Each structure stands twice: as C-alpha cells, then as structure tokens.
Amino acid sequence: MAIKALVKLNDVAQQDKLIQQISFMLGGEEYGVEVLKAREIIRMPIITKMPNTPHYIEGVINLRGEIVPVISLRKRFGLMEIENNSQTRIIIMEVCGTLIGFIVDSVTEVIRIRSSEIQPPPSIVISGGVELEFITGVCNHAERLLIIMDIDRIFSDDERESFGAIV
C-alpha cells in the first residue's frame, strides 16, 4: 500500500514542475514564453523588407550567416504600432524547427514558476477563435498577471509554410 502512495506523490511532483519563462512586455501587458524555445535576445538591427509578405512580417535579418524572418508581435496581435526605442528587442526563437525573430517592446526577466500556478485562460478569451489558441494560461506572479504563450501554436500551418518561402 505504501508503494501506491509513493507513486501518487511522484505523479503530483511531476505535475507541479518548475517552469522557466522569458517574460516580455507588449502593449503594456506581460507575456511569457518557454525559455528553452529562445535562442537569444538581440537589439534591433537593420531589417531588410521583403515584398509580398503578410503585414506582420517586418522583413529578414542576417544572424551570423543565417537569414531569419522577423515578426512584429504588435502587428500580429493587432496592437497599435509604436516607434522602436532603446528597450525594443528581438527574441530569436525556434518555432517548429525554424528560427524566427519576434519584435517585443522590452524583455523583462526570466521567471521561474510552478506549473500548478498556471491557470487556464478564461473561456471568453479563447472563444475568440483559433488565432488565440497560443494562449495556454495565465499566472499571477509578483502581483502581476503573466500571459503564458505556446510559441509553436502562434502561426497556422499555412503561415509556417510561407516563412519557408521567405528564407
């Protein structure tokens, strides 16, 4: 009987694992993405515009010999555009095996949270449609709400295929 109890405790420990998130600001809200998805965080370089791309694709950059598409998360989320400033960063992330840069207002910190602290987003938020399925949860961290994203689900299959055509 003690063995069964031990197994249950191990299951609970697995369910309540420590998760590291890179937090960033976008339009006054704080978002988090899994730290293992991020390759690096860079300052704003010169971005080469590409013709006939979706409105949220700013262009491409050369990152140590690799051409990387750059996405404006403000445009992707339908937020008002603002001028880039000294805090603006590009987070280079691996999305479904492809490196993509995401422009954010600023990068805040690396946050460690327990998976049990993450609550599902309110149903009214995710009932907006497929385009919001990348929001996986919300976490109350240090008296502020952190919106947890699954970066692999931010684009549709068709959109991911179009990135291959850009680079």
C-alpha atoms as a PDB file:
ATOM      1  CA  MET A   1       0.000   0.000   0.000  1.00  0.00           C
ATOM      2  CA  ALA A   2       2.873   2.384   0.725  1.00  0.00           C
ATOM      3  CA  ILE A   3       4.151   1.833  -2.820  1.00  0.00           C
ATOM      4  CA  LYS A   4       0.899   3.133  -4.320  1.00  0.00           C
ATOM      5  CA  ALA A   5       1.117   6.272  -2.170  1.00  0.00           C
ATOM      6  CA  LEU A   6       4.698   6.841  -3.318  1.00  0.00           C
ATOM      7  CA  VAL A   7       3.649   6.571  -6.954  1.00  0.00           C
ATOM      8  CA  LYS A   8       0.890   9.104  -6.407  1.00  0.00           C
ATOM      9  CA  LEU A   9       3.325  11.540  -4.766  1.00  0.00           C
ATOM     10  CA  ASN A  10       5.707  11.178  -7.714  1.00  0.00           C
ATOM     11  CA  ASP A  11       2.834  11.857 -10.123  1.00  0.00           C
ATOM     12  CA  VAL A  12       1.975  15.023  -8.209  1.00  0.00           C
ATOM     13  CA  ALA A  13       5.628  16.118  -8.222  1.00  0.00           C
ATOM     14  CA  GLN A  14       5.751  15.596 -11.999  1.00  0.00           C
ATOM     15  CA  GLN A  15       2.588  17.644 -12.452  1.00  0.00           C
ATOM     16  CA  ASP A  16       3.944  20.506 -10.334  1.00  0.00           C
ATOM     17  CA  LYS A  17       7.260  21.019 -12.095  1.00  0.00           C
ATOM     18  CA  LEU A  18       9.277  24.227 -12.171  1.00  0.00           C
ATOM     19  CA  ILE A  19       8.942  26.092 -15.469  1.00  0.00           C
ATOM     20  CA  GLN A  20      11.187  28.898 -16.676  1.00  0.00           C
ATOM     21  CA  GLN A  21       9.627  31.616 -18.797  1.00  0.00           C
ATOM     22  CA  ILE A  22      11.173  34.595 -20.550  1.00  0.00           C
ATOM     23  CA  SER A  23       8.854  37.480 -19.812  1.00  0.00           C
ATOM     24  CA  PHE A  24       8.463  40.392 -22.184  1.00  0.00           C
ATOM     25  CA  MET A  25       6.284  43.448 -22.490  1.00  0.00           C
ATOM     26  CA  LEU A  26       3.985  44.104 -25.398  1.00  0.00           C
ATOM     27  CA  GLY A  27       1.372  46.852 -25.385  1.00  0.00           C
ATOM     28  CA  GLY A  28       1.524  47.261 -21.616  1.00  0.00           C
ATOM     29  CA  GLU A  29       0.915  43.552 -20.940  1.00  0.00           C
ATOM     30  CA  GLU A  30       3.444  40.971 -19.813  1.00  0.00           C
ATOM     31  CA  TYR A  31       3.791  37.712 -21.723  1.00  0.00           C
ATOM     32  CA  GLY A  32       5.863  34.626 -21.077  1.00  0.00           C
ATOM     33  CA  VAL A  33       7.341  32.008 -23.401  1.00  0.00           C
ATOM     34  CA  GLU A  34       9.283  28.890 -22.537  1.00  0.00           C
ATOM     35  CA  VAL A  35      12.933  29.772 -22.039  1.00  0.00           C
ATOM     36  CA  LEU A  36      14.083  26.660 -23.938  1.00  0.00           C
ATOM     37  CA  LYS A  37      12.450  27.987 -27.130  1.00  0.00           C
ATOM     38  CA  ALA A  38      14.574  31.153 -27.096  1.00  0.00           C
ATOM     39  CA  ARG A  39      17.976  31.072 -28.737  1.00  0.00           C
ATOM     40  CA  GLU A  40      18.984  34.634 -27.962  1.00  0.00           C
ATOM     41  CA  ILE A  41      17.788  38.177 -27.395  1.00  0.00           C
ATOM     42  CA  ILE A  42      19.243  40.919 -29.594  1.00  0.00           C
ATOM     43  CA  ARG A  43      18.936  44.667 -30.035  1.00  0.00           C
ATOM     44  CA  MET A  44      17.158  45.970 -33.121  1.00  0.00           C
ATOM     45  CA  PRO A  45      19.363  45.568 -36.205  1.00  0.00           C
ATOM     46  CA  ILE A  46      18.604  46.862 -39.680  1.00  0.00           C
ATOM     47  CA  ILE A  47      15.733  44.778 -41.056  1.00  0.00           C
ATOM     48  CA  THR A  48      15.545  44.115 -44.780  1.00  0.00           C
ATOM     49  CA  LYS A  49      11.962  44.488 -46.019  1.00  0.00           C
ATOM     50  CA  MET A  50      10.546  41.680 -48.158  1.00  0.00           C
ATOM     51  CA  PRO A  51       7.840  42.261 -50.770  1.00  0.00           C
ATOM     52  CA  ASN A  52       4.507  40.426 -50.778  1.00  0.00           C
ATOM     53  CA  THR A  53       4.652  39.195 -47.197  1.00  0.00           C
ATOM     54  CA  PRO A  54       1.930  39.283 -44.542  1.00  0.00           C
ATOM     55  CA  HIS A  55       1.597  42.663 -42.792  1.00  0.00           C
ATOM     56  CA  TYR A  56       3.096  41.387 -39.522  1.00  0.00           C
ATOM     57  CA  ILE A  57       6.377  40.260 -41.136  1.00  0.00           C
ATOM     58  CA  GLU A  58       8.813  43.147 -40.814  1.00  0.00           C
ATOM     59  CA  GLY A  59      11.400  41.502 -43.062  1.00  0.00           C
ATOM     60  CA  VAL A  60      14.547  39.447 -42.562  1.00  0.00           C
ATOM     61  CA  ILE A  61      17.858  39.820 -40.769  1.00  0.00           C
ATOM     62  CA  ASN A  62      21.216  38.126 -41.221  1.00  0.00           C
ATOM     63  CA  LEU A  63      22.086  36.440 -37.934  1.00  0.00           C
ATOM     64  CA  ARG A  64      25.648  35.151 -38.233  1.00  0.00           C
ATOM     65  CA  GLY A  65      25.106  33.963 -41.784  1.00  0.00           C
ATOM     66  CA  GLU A  66      21.560  32.644 -41.286  1.00  0.00           C
ATOM     67  CA  ILE A  67      18.593  34.523 -42.759  1.00  0.00           C
ATOM     68  CA  VAL A  68      15.896  34.876 -40.096  1.00  0.00           C
ATOM     69  CA  PRO A  69      12.374  36.239 -40.699  1.00  0.00           C
ATOM     70  CA  VAL A  70      11.335  38.922 -38.189  1.00  0.00           C
ATOM     71  CA  ILE A  71       7.752  39.186 -36.948  1.00  0.00           C
ATOM     72  CA  SER A  72       6.206  42.213 -35.252  1.00  0.00           C
ATOM     73  CA  LEU A  73       4.181  40.759 -32.385  1.00  0.00           C
ATOM     74  CA  ARG A  74       2.370  44.105 -32.091  1.00  0.00           C
ATOM     75  CA  LYS A  75       1.089  43.747 -35.659  1.00  0.00           C
ATOM     76  CA  ARG A  76       0.431  40.024 -35.227  1.00  0.00           C
ATOM     77  CA  PHE A  77      -1.735  40.708 -32.172  1.00  0.00           C
ATOM     78  CA  GLY A  78      -3.484  43.707 -33.764  1.00  0.00           C
ATOM     79  CA  LEU A  79      -1.979  46.209 -31.326  1.00  0.00           C
ATOM     80  CA  MET A  80      -1.269  49.832 -32.123  1.00  0.00           C
ATOM     81  CA  GLU A  81       2.181  50.326 -33.605  1.00  0.00           C
ATOM     82  CA  ILE A  82       4.740  52.399 -31.721  1.00  0.00           C
ATOM     83  CA  GLU A  83       8.196  53.686 -32.557  1.00  0.00           C
ATOM     84  CA  ASN A  84      11.034  51.308 -31.660  1.00  0.00           C
ATOM     85  CA  ASN A  85      13.172  52.609 -28.798  1.00  0.00           C
ATOM     86  CA  SER A  86      16.234  51.621 -26.776  1.00  0.00           C
ATOM     87  CA  GLN A  87      14.219  48.939 -24.938  1.00  0.00           C
ATOM     88  CA  THR A  88      12.892  47.243 -28.109  1.00  0.00           C
ATOM     89  CA  ARG A  89      14.326  43.763 -28.580  1.00  0.00           C
ATOM     90  CA  ILE A  90      14.103  40.815 -30.932  1.00  0.00           C
ATOM     91  CA  ILE A  91      13.752  37.416 -29.303  1.00  0.00           C
ATOM     92  CA  ILE A  92      15.136  34.753 -31.635  1.00  0.00           C
ATOM     93  CA  MET A  93      13.102  31.592 -31.080  1.00  0.00           C
ATOM     94  CA  GLU A  94      12.811  28.199 -32.620  1.00  0.00           C
ATOM     95  CA  VAL A  95       9.262  27.684 -33.866  1.00  0.00           C
ATOM     96  CA  CYS A  96       8.552  24.207 -35.233  1.00  0.00           C
ATOM     97  CA  GLY A  97      12.204  23.790 -36.235  1.00  0.00           C
ATOM     98  CA  THR A  98      12.603  27.256 -37.843  1.00  0.00           C
ATOM     99  CA  LEU A  99      14.374  30.253 -36.341  1.00  0.00           C
ATOM    100  CA  ILE A 100      12.108  33.310 -36.214  1.00  0.00           C
ATOM    101  CA  GLY A 101      12.709  36.707 -34.632  1.00  0.00           C
ATOM    102  CA  PHE A 102       9.916  38.346 -32.650  1.00  0.00           C
ATOM    103  CA  ILE A 103       9.960  42.097 -32.017  1.00  0.00           C
ATOM    104  CA  VAL A 104       8.810  42.945 -28.476  1.00  0.00           C
ATOM    105  CA  ASP A 105       8.635  46.236 -26.568  1.00  0.00           C
ATOM    106  CA  SER A 106      11.124  45.019 -23.953  1.00  0.00           C
ATOM    107  CA  VAL A 107      12.379  41.834 -22.320  1.00  0.00           C
ATOM    108  CA  THR A 108      11.719  41.827 -18.604  1.00  0.00           C
ATOM    109  CA  GLU A 109      13.303  38.799 -16.922  1.00  0.00           C
ATOM    110  CA  VAL A 110      13.480  35.029 -16.668  1.00  0.00           C
ATOM    111  CA  ILE A 111      10.722  33.891 -14.327  1.00  0.00           C
ATOM    112  CA  ARG A 112      10.541  30.563 -12.535  1.00  0.00           C
ATOM    113  CA  ILE A 113       7.015  29.407 -11.811  1.00  0.00           C
ATOM    114  CA  ARG A 114       5.394  26.140 -10.839  1.00  0.00           C
ATOM    115  CA  SER A 115       3.108  24.524 -13.371  1.00  0.00           C
ATOM    116  CA  SER A 116       0.411  24.387 -10.672  1.00  0.00           C
ATOM    117  CA  GLU A 117       0.418  28.219 -10.578  1.00  0.00           C
ATOM    118  CA  ILE A 118      -0.683  28.452 -14.210  1.00  0.00           C
ATOM    119  CA  GLN A 119      -4.427  28.742 -14.633  1.00  0.00           C
ATOM    120  CA  PRO A 120      -6.242  28.209 -17.921  1.00  0.00           C
ATOM    121  CA  PRO A 121      -7.242  31.403 -19.707  1.00  0.00           C
ATOM    122  CA  PRO A 122     -10.874  32.435 -19.212  1.00  0.00           C
ATOM    123  CA  SER A 123     -13.119  30.721 -21.761  1.00  0.00           C
ATOM    124  CA  ILE A 124     -14.340  34.060 -23.094  1.00  0.00           C
ATOM    125  CA  VAL A 125     -10.745  34.867 -24.121  1.00  0.00           C
ATOM    126  CA  ILE A 126     -10.117  31.642 -26.027  1.00  0.00           C
ATOM    127  CA  SER A 127     -13.605  31.512 -27.553  1.00  0.00           C
ATOM    128  CA  GLY A 128     -12.397  34.214 -29.944  1.00  0.00           C
ATOM    129  CA  GLY A 129     -11.190  31.537 -32.353  1.00  0.00           C
ATOM    130  CA  VAL A 130      -8.194  29.573 -33.499  1.00  0.00           C
ATOM    131  CA  GLU A 131      -5.963  32.644 -33.578  1.00  0.00           C
ATOM    132  CA  LEU A 132      -5.968  32.720 -29.762  1.00  0.00           C
ATOM    133  CA  GLU A 133      -5.129  29.058 -29.141  1.00  0.00           C
ATOM    134  CA  PHE A 134      -1.496  30.022 -28.472  1.00  0.00           C
ATOM    135  CA  ILE A 135      -2.538  31.489 -25.089  1.00  0.00           C
ATOM    136  CA  THR A 136      -2.098  28.497 -22.819  1.00  0.00           C
ATOM    137  CA  GLY A 137      -2.611  30.083 -19.435  1.00  0.00           C
ATOM    138  CA  VAL A 138      -2.344  32.977 -17.028  1.00  0.00           C
ATOM    139  CA  CYS A 139      -0.177  33.148 -13.933  1.00  0.00           C
ATOM    140  CA  ASN A 140      -0.233  35.589 -11.039  1.00  0.00           C
ATOM    141  CA  HIS A 141       3.440  36.362 -10.453  1.00  0.00           C
ATOM    142  CA  ALA A 142       4.755  39.049  -8.098  1.00  0.00           C
ATOM    143  CA  GLU A 143       1.412  40.886  -8.015  1.00  0.00           C
ATOM    144  CA  ARG A 144       1.101  40.993 -11.808  1.00  0.00           C
ATOM    145  CA  LEU A 145      -0.520  38.752 -14.388  1.00  0.00           C
ATOM    146  CA  LEU A 146       1.686  36.911 -16.851  1.00  0.00           C
ATOM    147  CA  ILE A 147       0.074  35.643 -20.070  1.00  0.00           C
ATOM    148  CA  ILE A 148       1.667  32.300 -20.946  1.00  0.00           C
ATOM    149  CA  MET A 149       2.094  31.589 -24.670  1.00  0.00           C
ATOM    150  CA  ASP A 150       2.912  28.458 -26.657  1.00  0.00           C
ATOM    151  CA  ILE A 151       5.017  29.965 -29.430  1.00  0.00           C
ATOM    152  CA  ASP A 152       4.658  26.815 -31.585  1.00  0.00           C
ATOM    153  CA  ARG A 153       0.918  27.493 -31.878  1.00  0.00           C
ATOM    154  CA  ILE A 154       1.110  31.182 -32.791  1.00  0.00           C
ATOM    155  CA  PHE A 155       1.002  30.515 -36.558  1.00  0.00           C
ATOM    156  CA  SER A 156      -1.210  28.326 -38.717  1.00  0.00           C
ATOM    157  CA  ASP A 157       0.338  25.619 -40.915  1.00  0.00           C
ATOM    158  CA  ASP A 158      -0.110  27.830 -43.984  1.00  0.00           C
ATOM    159  CA  GLU A 159       1.674  30.723 -42.281  1.00  0.00           C
ATOM    160  CA  ARG A 160       4.595  28.484 -41.294  1.00  0.00           C
ATOM    161  CA  GLU A 161       4.894  27.296 -44.888  1.00  0.00           C
ATOM    162  CA  SER A 162       5.037  30.903 -46.082  1.00  0.00           C
ATOM    163  CA  PHE A 163       8.071  31.513 -43.822  1.00  0.00           C
ATOM    164  CA  GLY A 164       9.929  28.833 -45.758  1.00  0.00           C
ATOM    165  CA  ALA A 165       9.277  30.789 -48.947  1.00  0.00           C
ATOM    166  CA  ILE A 166      10.684  33.985 -47.390  1.00  0.00           C
ATOM    167  CA  VAL A 167      14.035  32.491 -46.477  1.00  0.00           C
END
